[in-house]
């Protein structure tokens, strides 16, 4: 299982449209679309889980592609490594 990070999404993006886009390359196991608390619109990024070979196919096909006029970037999620933590 690989967690993908998707950035540069248009504000009009919905969970259904993003799932449909990635479903062309395999099964989307989970999806977290970050939305504005007040307006409910997409804030431009999401994370989703797919199987390894399916995730790699989605990255190859969708990274730096156009989605409704916005250039989206798709890659493995790097998490928040290196941020914060204990000081010595």
Protein backbone atom coordinates (compact mmCIF):
# COMPACT_ATOMS: atom_id res chain seq x y z
CA UNK A 1 0.00 0.00 0.00
CA UNK A 2 1.33 3.42 -0.97
CA UNK A 3 -0.04 6.74 0.25
CA UNK A 4 -0.10 9.34 -2.52
CA UNK A 5 -0.04 13.08 -2.07
CA UNK A 6 -2.01 15.12 -4.61
CA UNK A 7 -1.37 18.88 -4.77
CA UNK A 8 -2.64 21.73 -6.93
CA UNK A 9 -6.26 20.56 -7.07
CA UNK A 10 -8.89 23.07 -8.22
CA UNK A 11 -11.35 24.33 -5.58
CA UNK A 12 -14.20 22.57 -7.40
CA UNK A 13 -12.71 19.09 -6.80
CA UNK A 14 -14.95 16.61 -4.98
CA UNK A 15 -14.15 13.25 -3.40
CA UNK A 16 -16.22 11.53 -6.10
CA UNK A 17 -14.40 13.24 -8.99
CA UNK A 18 -10.96 12.53 -7.48
CA UNK A 19 -11.86 8.88 -6.82
CA UNK A 20 -13.08 8.53 -10.41
CA UNK A 21 -9.84 10.05 -11.75
CA UNK A 22 -7.61 7.63 -9.80
CA UNK A 23 -9.92 4.61 -10.26
CA UNK A 24 -8.75 4.43 -13.88
CA UNK A 25 -5.42 3.12 -12.51
CA UNK A 26 -6.69 0.85 -9.74
CA UNK A 27 -8.69 0.66 -6.53
CA UNK A 28 -8.62 3.70 -4.26
CA UNK A 29 -8.48 2.20 -0.75
CA UNK A 30 -8.96 5.47 1.12
CA UNK A 31 -9.16 9.16 0.26
CA UNK A 32 -8.80 12.29 2.38
CA UNK A 33 -9.68 15.48 0.53
CA UNK A 34 -8.83 18.54 2.64
CA UNK A 35 -11.73 21.01 2.62
CA UNK A 36 -12.17 24.54 3.90
CA UNK A 37 -13.98 24.48 7.23
CA UNK A 38 -16.42 27.26 6.36
CA UNK A 39 -17.01 27.06 2.60
CA UNK A 40 -16.63 23.29 2.21
CA UNK A 41 -14.51 23.79 -0.93
CA UNK A 42 -11.36 21.83 -1.66
CA UNK A 43 -8.22 23.47 -0.24
CA UNK A 44 -6.07 22.14 -3.08
CA UNK A 45 -4.61 18.93 -1.71
CA UNK A 46 -5.50 15.37 -0.80
CA UNK A 47 -3.97 12.04 0.19
CA UNK A 48 -5.08 8.63 -0.97
CA UNK A 49 -4.02 5.00 -0.59
CA UNK A 50 -3.57 2.57 -3.48
CA UNK A 51 -1.72 -0.72 -4.03
CA UNK A 52 1.93 -0.32 -5.06
CA UNK A 53 1.81 -1.06 -8.79
CA UNK A 54 -1.47 0.85 -9.18
CA UNK A 55 -0.08 3.86 -7.32
CA UNK A 56 3.04 3.91 -9.50
CA UNK A 57 0.87 3.81 -12.65
CA UNK A 58 -1.24 6.72 -11.33
CA UNK A 59 1.89 8.77 -10.55
CA UNK A 60 3.33 8.14 -14.02
CA UNK A 61 0.08 9.12 -15.74
CA UNK A 62 -1.17 12.00 -13.59
CA UNK A 63 1.89 13.85 -12.24
CA UNK A 64 2.08 17.32 -13.85
CA UNK A 65 -1.20 16.79 -15.70
CA UNK A 66 -4.06 19.24 -16.19
CA UNK A 67 -7.25 18.87 -14.14
CA UNK A 68 -9.92 21.47 -14.95
CA UNK A 69 -7.29 24.11 -15.72
CA UNK A 70 -5.00 23.36 -12.76
CA UNK A 71 -1.63 21.63 -12.93
CA UNK A 72 -1.72 18.80 -10.39
CA UNK A 73 1.27 17.12 -8.80
CA UNK A 74 1.05 13.50 -7.70
CA UNK A 75 3.72 11.63 -5.74
CA UNK A 76 4.35 9.44 -2.73
CA UNK A 77 3.34 11.13 0.53
CA UNK A 78 6.41 12.12 2.50
CA UNK A 79 4.49 12.83 5.72
CA UNK A 80 5.82 15.35 8.20
CA UNK A 81 9.28 13.91 8.71
CA UNK A 82 11.84 16.34 10.00
CA UNK A 83 9.31 18.82 11.38
CA UNK A 84 9.12 19.50 15.07
CA UNK A 85 10.15 16.91 17.58
CA UNK A 86 12.16 17.09 20.77
CA UNK A 87 14.97 19.55 21.21
CA UNK A 88 18.09 18.49 23.02
